[in-house]
Amino acid sequence: FSAAAETGRTVRILDRFNQPADHAVSIYH
């Protein structure tokens, strides 16, 4: 966000990414 504001350009977030399911995350960790 700070980077986008610095440029002064109009920027939209179209998608958010994570690691795939085989890189499993324990709900307790």
PDB file of all heavy atoms in Angstrom:
ATOM      1  N   PHE A   1       0.837  -1.213   0.000  1.00  0.00           N
ATOM      2  CA  PHE A   1       0.000   0.000   0.000  1.00  0.00           C
ATOM      3  C   PHE A   1       0.865   1.253   0.000  1.00  0.00           C
ATOM      4  O   PHE A   1       0.632   2.190  -0.775  1.00  0.00           O
ATOM      5  CB  PHE A   1      -0.916   0.003   1.227  1.00  0.00           C
ATOM      6  CG  PHE A   1      -1.446   1.365   1.580  1.00  0.00           C
ATOM      7  CD1 PHE A   1      -2.496   1.933   0.871  1.00  0.00           C
ATOM      8  CD2 PHE A   1      -0.878   2.093   2.619  1.00  0.00           C
ATOM      9  CE1 PHE A   1      -2.960   3.201   1.192  1.00  0.00           C
ATOM     10  CE2 PHE A   1      -1.347   3.355   2.941  1.00  0.00           C
ATOM     11  CZ  PHE A   1      -2.392   3.917   2.228  1.00  0.00           C
ATOM     12  N   SER A   2       1.882   1.286   0.859  1.00  0.00           N
ATOM     13  CA  SER A   2       2.771   2.446   0.928  1.00  0.00           C
ATOM     14  C   SER A   2       3.509   2.642  -0.388  1.00  0.00           C
ATOM     15  O   SER A   2       3.721   3.778  -0.837  1.00  0.00           O
ATOM     16  CB  SER A   2       3.775   2.271   2.075  1.00  0.00           C
ATOM     17  OG  SER A   2       3.101   2.145   3.314  1.00  0.00           O
ATOM     18  N   ALA A   3       3.879   1.519  -1.020  1.00  0.00           N
ATOM     19  CA  ALA A   3       4.548   1.601  -2.316  1.00  0.00           C
ATOM     20  C   ALA A   3       3.627   2.203  -3.369  1.00  0.00           C
ATOM     21  O   ALA A   3       4.028   3.068  -4.154  1.00  0.00           O
ATOM     22  CB  ALA A   3       5.005   0.205  -2.742  1.00  0.00           C
ATOM     23  N   ALA A   4       2.374   1.754  -3.387  1.00  0.00           N
ATOM     24  CA  ALA A   4       1.415   2.275  -4.356  1.00  0.00           C
ATOM     25  C   ALA A   4       1.172   3.759  -4.143  1.00  0.00           C
ATOM     26  O   ALA A   4       1.133   4.551  -5.103  1.00  0.00           O
ATOM     27  CB  ALA A   4       0.101   1.498  -4.257  1.00  0.00           C
ATOM     28  N   ALA A   5       1.005   4.158  -2.879  1.00  0.00           N
ATOM     29  CA  ALA A   5       0.768   5.571  -2.567  1.00  0.00           C
ATOM     30  C   ALA A   5       1.939   6.432  -3.001  1.00  0.00           C
ATOM     31  O   ALA A   5       1.764   7.575  -3.453  1.00  0.00           O
ATOM     32  CB  ALA A   5       0.508   5.725  -1.067  1.00  0.00           C
ATOM     33  N   GLU A   6       3.138   5.889  -2.878  1.00  0.00           N
ATOM     34  CA  GLU A   6       4.343   6.619  -3.259  1.00  0.00           C
ATOM     35  C   GLU A   6       4.347   6.935  -4.755  1.00  0.00           C
ATOM     36  O   GLU A   6       4.823   7.985  -5.180  1.00  0.00           O
ATOM     37  CB  GLU A   6       5.560   5.770  -2.891  1.00  0.00           C
ATOM     38  CG  GLU A   6       6.907   6.395  -3.173  1.00  0.00           C
ATOM     39  CD  GLU A   6       8.051   5.470  -2.786  1.00  0.00           C
ATOM     40  OE1 GLU A   6       7.916   4.745  -1.772  1.00  0.00           O
ATOM     41  OE2 GLU A   6       9.061   5.453  -3.512  1.00  0.00           O
ATOM     42  N   THR A   7       3.796   6.023  -5.562  1.00  0.00           N
ATOM     43  CA  THR A   7       3.797   6.237  -7.015  1.00  0.00           C
ATOM     44  C   THR A   7       2.686   7.175  -7.454  1.00  0.00           C
ATOM     45  O   THR A   7       2.764   7.762  -8.542  1.00  0.00           O
ATOM     46  CB  THR A   7       3.613   4.896  -7.756  1.00  0.00           C
ATOM     47  OG1 THR A   7       2.296   4.387  -7.516  1.00  0.00           O
ATOM     48  CG2 THR A   7       4.645   3.876  -7.308  1.00  0.00           C
ATOM     49  N   GLY A   8       1.620   7.291  -6.659  1.00  0.00           N
ATOM     50  CA  GLY A   8       0.491   8.136  -7.025  1.00  0.00           C
ATOM     51  C   GLY A   8      -0.440   7.517  -8.047  1.00  0.00           C
ATOM     52  O   GLY A   8      -1.391   8.168  -8.502  1.00  0.00           O
ATOM     53  N   ARG A   9      -0.217   6.257  -8.425  1.00  0.00           N
ATOM     54  CA  ARG A   9      -1.062   5.608  -9.423  1.00  0.00           C
ATOM     55  C   ARG A   9      -2.273   4.947  -8.751  1.00  0.00           C
ATOM     56  O   ARG A   9      -2.241   4.621  -7.555  1.00  0.00           O
ATOM     57  CB  ARG A   9      -0.269   4.568 -10.213  1.00  0.00           C
ATOM     58  CG  ARG A   9       0.924   5.166 -10.941  1.00  0.00           C
ATOM     59  CD  ARG A   9       1.649   4.158 -11.802  1.00  0.00           C
ATOM     60  NE  ARG A   9       0.883   3.830 -13.016  1.00  0.00           N
ATOM     61  CZ  ARG A   9       1.341   3.024 -13.972  1.00  0.00           C
ATOM     62  NH1 ARG A   9       2.560   2.476 -13.847  1.00  0.00           N
ATOM     63  NH2 ARG A   9       0.614   2.777 -15.043  1.00  0.00           N
ATOM     64  N   THR A  10      -3.335   4.753  -9.506  1.00  0.00           N
ATOM     65  CA  THR A  10      -4.514   4.063  -8.998  1.00  0.00           C
ATOM     66  C   THR A  10      -4.260   2.562  -9.071  1.00  0.00           C
ATOM     67  O   THR A  10      -3.960   2.027 -10.146  1.00  0.00           O
ATOM     68  CB  THR A  10      -5.757   4.419  -9.828  1.00  0.00           C
ATOM     69  OG1 THR A  10      -5.963   5.828  -9.753  1.00  0.00           O
ATOM     70  CG2 THR A  10      -6.987   3.692  -9.313  1.00  0.00           C
ATOM     71  N   VAL A  11      -4.381   1.890  -7.929  1.00  0.00           N
ATOM     72  CA  VAL A  11      -4.039   0.460  -7.841  1.00  0.00           C
ATOM     73  C   VAL A  11      -5.186  -0.288  -7.184  1.00  0.00           C
ATOM     74  O   VAL A  11      -5.714   0.143  -6.149  1.00  0.00           O
ATOM     75  CB  VAL A  11      -2.737   0.253  -7.030  1.00  0.00           C
ATOM     76  CG1 VAL A  11      -2.409  -1.238  -6.916  1.00  0.00           C
ATOM     77  CG2 VAL A  11      -1.572   1.009  -7.673  1.00  0.00           C
ATOM     78  N   ARG A  12      -5.581  -1.389  -7.796  1.00  0.00           N
ATOM     79  CA  ARG A  12      -6.603  -2.254  -7.210  1.00  0.00           C
ATOM     80  C   ARG A  12      -5.994  -3.612  -6.856  1.00  0.00           C
ATOM     81  O   ARG A  12      -5.118  -4.108  -7.572  1.00  0.00           O
ATOM     82  CB  ARG A  12      -7.753  -2.497  -8.191  1.00  0.00           C
ATOM     83  CG  ARG A  12      -8.523  -1.259  -8.606  1.00  0.00           C
ATOM     84  CD  ARG A  12      -9.732  -1.680  -9.440  1.00  0.00           C
ATOM     85  NE  ARG A  12     -10.493  -0.548  -9.925  1.00  0.00           N
ATOM     86  CZ  ARG A  12     -10.366  -0.015 -11.127  1.00  0.00           C
ATOM     87  NH1 ARG A  12      -9.486  -0.510 -11.975  1.00  0.00           N
ATOM     88  NH2 ARG A  12     -11.111   1.009 -11.504  1.00  0.00           N
ATOM     89  N   ILE A  13      -6.476  -4.225  -5.780  1.00  0.00           N
ATOM     90  CA  ILE A  13      -6.101  -5.597  -5.440  1.00  0.00           C
ATOM     91  C   ILE A  13      -7.118  -6.528  -6.096  1.00  0.00           C
ATOM     92  O   ILE A  13      -8.307  -6.492  -5.780  1.00  0.00           O
ATOM     93  CB  ILE A  13      -6.079  -5.822  -3.918  1.00  0.00           C
ATOM     94  CG1 ILE A  13      -5.009  -4.939  -3.261  1.00  0.00           C
ATOM     95  CG2 ILE A  13      -5.809  -7.297  -3.596  1.00  0.00           C
ATOM     96  CD1 ILE A  13      -5.001  -5.015  -1.748  1.00  0.00           C
ATOM     97  N   LEU A  14      -6.649  -7.366  -7.014  1.00  0.00           N
ATOM     98  CA  LEU A  14      -7.532  -8.301  -7.704  1.00  0.00           C
ATOM     99  C   LEU A  14      -7.574  -9.669  -7.045  1.00  0.00           C
ATOM    100  O   LEU A  14      -8.565 -10.386  -7.152  1.00  0.00           O
ATOM    101  CB  LEU A  14      -7.080  -8.480  -9.160  1.00  0.00           C
ATOM    102  CG  LEU A  14      -7.041  -7.224 -10.033  1.00  0.00           C
ATOM    103  CD1 LEU A  14      -6.725  -7.615 -11.468  1.00  0.00           C
ATOM    104  CD2 LEU A  14      -8.359  -6.461  -9.967  1.00  0.00           C
ATOM    105  N   ASP A  15      -6.496 -10.036  -6.361  1.00  0.00           N
ATOM    106  CA  ASP A  15      -6.441 -11.370  -5.745  1.00  0.00           C
ATOM    107  C   ASP A  15      -5.374 -11.387  -4.668  1.00  0.00           C
ATOM    108  O   ASP A  15      -4.471 -10.536  -4.646  1.00  0.00           O
ATOM    109  CB  ASP A  15      -6.128 -12.426  -6.813  1.00  0.00           C
ATOM    110  CG  ASP A  15      -6.670 -13.804  -6.456  1.00  0.00           C
ATOM    111  OD1 ASP A  15      -7.097 -14.001  -5.293  1.00  0.00           O
ATOM    112  OD2 ASP A  15      -6.677 -14.685  -7.344  1.00  0.00           O
ATOM    113  N   ARG A  16      -5.497 -12.356  -3.764  1.00  0.00           N
ATOM    114  CA  ARG A  16      -4.511 -12.576  -2.700  1.00  0.00           C
ATOM    115  C   ARG A  16      -4.048 -14.023  -2.774  1.00  0.00           C
ATOM    116  O   ARG A  16      -4.853 -14.918  -3.034  1.00  0.00           O
ATOM    117  CB  ARG A  16      -5.107 -12.278  -1.321  1.00  0.00           C
ATOM    118  CG  ARG A  16      -5.556 -10.818  -1.162  1.00  0.00           C
ATOM    119  CD  ARG A  16      -6.206 -10.585   0.194  1.00  0.00           C
ATOM    120  NE  ARG A  16      -6.762  -9.248   0.293  1.00  0.00           N
ATOM    121  CZ  ARG A  16      -6.097  -8.189   0.782  1.00  0.00           C
ATOM    122  NH1 ARG A  16      -4.860  -8.347   1.228  1.00  0.00           N
ATOM    123  NH2 ARG A  16      -6.659  -6.998   0.829  1.00  0.00           N
ATOM    124  N   PHE A  17      -2.754 -14.241  -2.524  1.00  0.00           N
ATOM    125  CA  PHE A  17      -2.172 -15.567  -2.702  1.00  0.00           C
ATOM    126  C   PHE A  17      -1.593 -16.109  -1.399  1.00  0.00           C
ATOM    127  O   PHE A  17      -1.173 -15.351  -0.523  1.00  0.00           O
ATOM    128  CB  PHE A  17      -1.079 -15.527  -3.771  1.00  0.00           C
ATOM    129  CG  PHE A  17      -1.533 -14.963  -5.082  1.00  0.00           C
ATOM    130  CD1 PHE A  17      -0.965 -13.799  -5.584  1.00  0.00           C
ATOM    131  CD2 PHE A  17      -2.532 -15.581  -5.809  1.00  0.00           C
ATOM    132  CE1 PHE A  17      -1.374 -13.264  -6.801  1.00  0.00           C
ATOM    133  CE2 PHE A  17      -2.953 -15.054  -7.030  1.00  0.00           C
ATOM    134  CZ  PHE A  17      -2.378 -13.905  -7.520  1.00  0.00           C
ATOM    135  N   ASN A  18      -1.558 -17.435  -1.325  1.00  0.00           N
ATOM    136  CA  ASN A  18      -0.979 -18.144  -0.183  1.00  0.00           C
ATOM    137  C   ASN A  18      -0.143 -19.309  -0.695  1.00  0.00           C
ATOM    138  O   ASN A  18      -0.073 -19.559  -1.896  1.00  0.00           O
ATOM    139  CB  ASN A  18      -2.089 -18.678   0.734  1.00  0.00           C
ATOM    140  CG  ASN A  18      -3.032 -17.603   1.224  1.00  0.00           C
ATOM    141  OD1 ASN A  18      -2.666 -16.797   2.057  1.00  0.00           O
ATOM    142  ND2 ASN A  18      -4.243 -17.574   0.677  1.00  0.00           N
ATOM    143  N   GLN A  19       0.447 -20.047   0.232  1.00  0.00           N
ATOM    144  CA  GLN A  19       1.124 -21.277  -0.128  1.00  0.00           C
ATOM    145  C   GLN A  19       0.079 -22.356  -0.423  1.00  0.00           C
ATOM    146  O   GLN A  19      -1.037 -22.303   0.093  1.00  0.00           O
ATOM    147  CB  GLN A  19       2.039 -21.727   1.009  1.00  0.00           C
ATOM    148  CG  GLN A  19       1.323 -22.051   2.313  1.00  0.00           C
ATOM    149  CD  GLN A  19       2.158 -21.703   3.531  1.00  0.00           C
ATOM    150  OE1 GLN A  19       2.525 -20.553   3.735  1.00  0.00           O
ATOM    151  NE2 GLN A  19       2.466 -22.709   4.341  1.00  0.00           N
ATOM    152  N   PRO A  20       0.399 -23.323  -1.277  1.00  0.00           N
ATOM    153  CA  PRO A  20      -0.585 -24.353  -1.629  1.00  0.00           C
ATOM    154  C   PRO A  20      -0.807 -25.341  -0.491  1.00  0.00           C
ATOM    155  O   PRO A  20      -0.076 -25.370   0.505  1.00  0.00           O
ATOM    156  CB  PRO A  20       0.051 -25.036  -2.843  1.00  0.00           C
ATOM    157  CG  PRO A  20       1.524 -24.820  -2.659  1.00  0.00           C
ATOM    158  CD  PRO A  20       1.668 -23.485  -1.995  1.00  0.00           C
ATOM    159  N   ALA A  21      -1.821 -26.189  -0.653  1.00  0.00           N
ATOM    160  CA  ALA A  21      -2.273 -27.058   0.432  1.00  0.00           C
ATOM    161  C   ALA A  21      -1.244 -28.102   0.839  1.00  0.00           C
ATOM    162  O   ALA A  21      -1.264 -28.583   1.983  1.00  0.00           O
ATOM    163  CB  ALA A  21      -3.577 -27.748   0.035  1.00  0.00           C
ATOM    164  N   ASP A  22      -0.340 -28.495  -0.066  1.00  0.00           N
ATOM    165  CA  ASP A  22       0.683 -29.468   0.333  1.00  0.00           C
ATOM    166  C   ASP A  22       1.735 -28.839   1.242  1.00  0.00           C
ATOM    167  O   ASP A  22       2.511 -29.572   1.871  1.00  0.00           O
ATOM    168  CB  ASP A  22       1.336 -30.130  -0.880  1.00  0.00           C
ATOM    169  CG  ASP A  22       1.900 -29.128  -1.873  1.00  0.00           C
ATOM    170  OD1 ASP A  22       1.375 -28.001  -1.948  1.00  0.00           O
ATOM    171  OD2 ASP A  22       2.856 -29.473  -2.580  1.00  0.00           O
ATOM    172  N   HIS A  23       1.751 -27.514   1.337  1.00  0.00           N
ATOM    173  CA  HIS A  23       2.582 -26.818   2.328  1.00  0.00           C
ATOM    174  C   HIS A  23       1.660 -26.497   3.513  1.00  0.00           C
ATOM    175  O   HIS A  23       1.352 -25.346   3.809  1.00  0.00           O
ATOM    176  CB  HIS A  23       3.197 -25.557   1.744  1.00  0.00           C
ATOM    177  CG  HIS A  23       4.230 -25.835   0.696  1.00  0.00           C
ATOM    178  ND1 HIS A  23       3.941 -26.488  -0.487  1.00  0.00           N
ATOM    179  CD2 HIS A  23       5.554 -25.557   0.655  1.00  0.00           C
ATOM    180  CE1 HIS A  23       5.049 -26.597  -1.207  1.00  0.00           C
ATOM    181  NE2 HIS A  23       6.036 -26.042  -0.535  1.00  0.00           N
ATOM    182  N   ALA A  24       1.219 -27.554   4.168  1.00  0.00           N
ATOM    183  CA  ALA A  24       0.118 -27.491   5.130  1.00  0.00           C
ATOM    184  C   ALA A  24       0.459 -26.631   6.345  1.00  0.00           C
ATOM    185  O   ALA A  24       1.605 -26.583   6.790  1.00  0.00           O
ATOM    186  CB  ALA A  24      -0.244 -28.898   5.587  1.00  0.00           C
ATOM    187  N   VAL A  25      -0.560 -25.963   6.867  1.00  0.00           N
ATOM    188  CA  VAL A  25      -0.428 -25.152   8.079  1.00  0.00           C
ATOM    189  C   VAL A  25      -1.315 -25.754   9.161  1.00  0.00           C
ATOM    190  O   VAL A  25      -2.525 -25.888   8.972  1.00  0.00           O
ATOM    191  CB  VAL A  25      -0.844 -23.688   7.823  1.00  0.00           C
ATOM    192  CG1 VAL A  25      -0.714 -22.858   9.105  1.00  0.00           C
ATOM    193  CG2 VAL A  25      -0.003 -23.082   6.712  1.00  0.00           C
ATOM    194  N   SER A  26      -0.720 -26.133  10.275  1.00  0.00           N
ATOM    195  CA  SER A  26      -1.512 -26.638  11.399  1.00  0.00           C
ATOM    196  C   SER A  26      -2.338 -25.500  11.980  1.00  0.00           C
ATOM    197  O   SER A  26      -1.846 -24.378  12.160  1.00  0.00           O
ATOM    198  CB  SER A  26      -0.594 -27.203  12.483  1.00  0.00           C
ATOM    199  OG  SER A  26      -1.319 -27.432  13.691  1.00  0.00           O
ATOM    200  N   ILE A  27      -3.598 -25.787  12.269  1.00  0.00           N
ATOM    201  CA  ILE A  27      -4.457 -24.763  12.855  1.00  0.00           C
ATOM    202  C   ILE A  27      -3.941 -24.330  14.226  1.00  0.00           C
ATOM    203  O   ILE A  27      -4.229 -23.228  14.695  1.00  0.00           O
ATOM    204  CB  ILE A  27      -5.907 -25.286  12.956  1.00  0.00           C
ATOM    205  CG1 ILE A  27      -6.883 -24.119  13.128  1.00  0.00           C
ATOM    206  CG2 ILE A  27      -6.048 -26.332  14.069  1.00  0.00           C
ATOM    207  CD1 ILE A  27      -8.335 -24.510  12.936  1.00  0.00           C
ATOM    208  N   TYR A  28      -3.136 -25.175  14.846  1.00  0.00           N
ATOM    209  CA  TYR A  28      -2.557 -24.856  16.152  1.00  0.00           C
ATOM    210  C   TYR A  28      -1.215 -24.144  16.043  1.00  0.00           C
ATOM    211  O   TYR A  28      -0.628 -23.775  17.063  1.00  0.00           O
ATOM    212  CB  TYR A  28      -2.378 -26.143  16.974  1.00  0.00           C
ATOM    213  CG  TYR A  28      -3.633 -26.968  17.058  1.00  0.00           C
ATOM    214  CD1 TYR A  28      -3.743 -28.202  16.415  1.00  0.00           C
ATOM    215  CD2 TYR A  28      -4.747 -26.508  17.772  1.00  0.00           C
ATOM    216  CE1 TYR A  28      -4.909 -28.954  16.484  1.00  0.00           C
ATOM    217  CE2 TYR A  28      -5.914 -27.251  17.845  1.00  0.00           C
ATOM    218  CZ  TYR A  28      -5.985 -28.467  17.204  1.00  0.00           C
ATOM    219  OH  TYR A  28      -7.143 -29.202  17.264  1.00  0.00           O
ATOM    220  N   HIS A  29      -0.733 -23.968  14.803  1.00  0.00           N
ATOM    221  CA  HIS A  29       0.582 -23.357  14.583  1.00  0.00           C
ATOM    222  C   HIS A  29       0.508 -22.396  13.406  1.00  0.00           C
ATOM    223  O   HIS A  29       1.015 -22.667  12.313  1.00  0.00           O
ATOM    224  CB  HIS A  29       1.623 -24.467  14.314  1.00  0.00           C
ATOM    225  CG  HIS A  29       3.019 -23.955  14.141  1.00  0.00           C
ATOM    226  ND1 HIS A  29       3.634 -23.872  12.909  1.00  0.00           N
ATOM    227  CD2 HIS A  29       3.923 -23.497  15.043  1.00  0.00           C
ATOM    228  CE1 HIS A  29       4.856 -23.387  13.057  1.00  0.00           C
ATOM    229  NE2 HIS A  29       5.061 -23.160  14.333  1.00  0.00           N
TER     230      HIS A  29
END
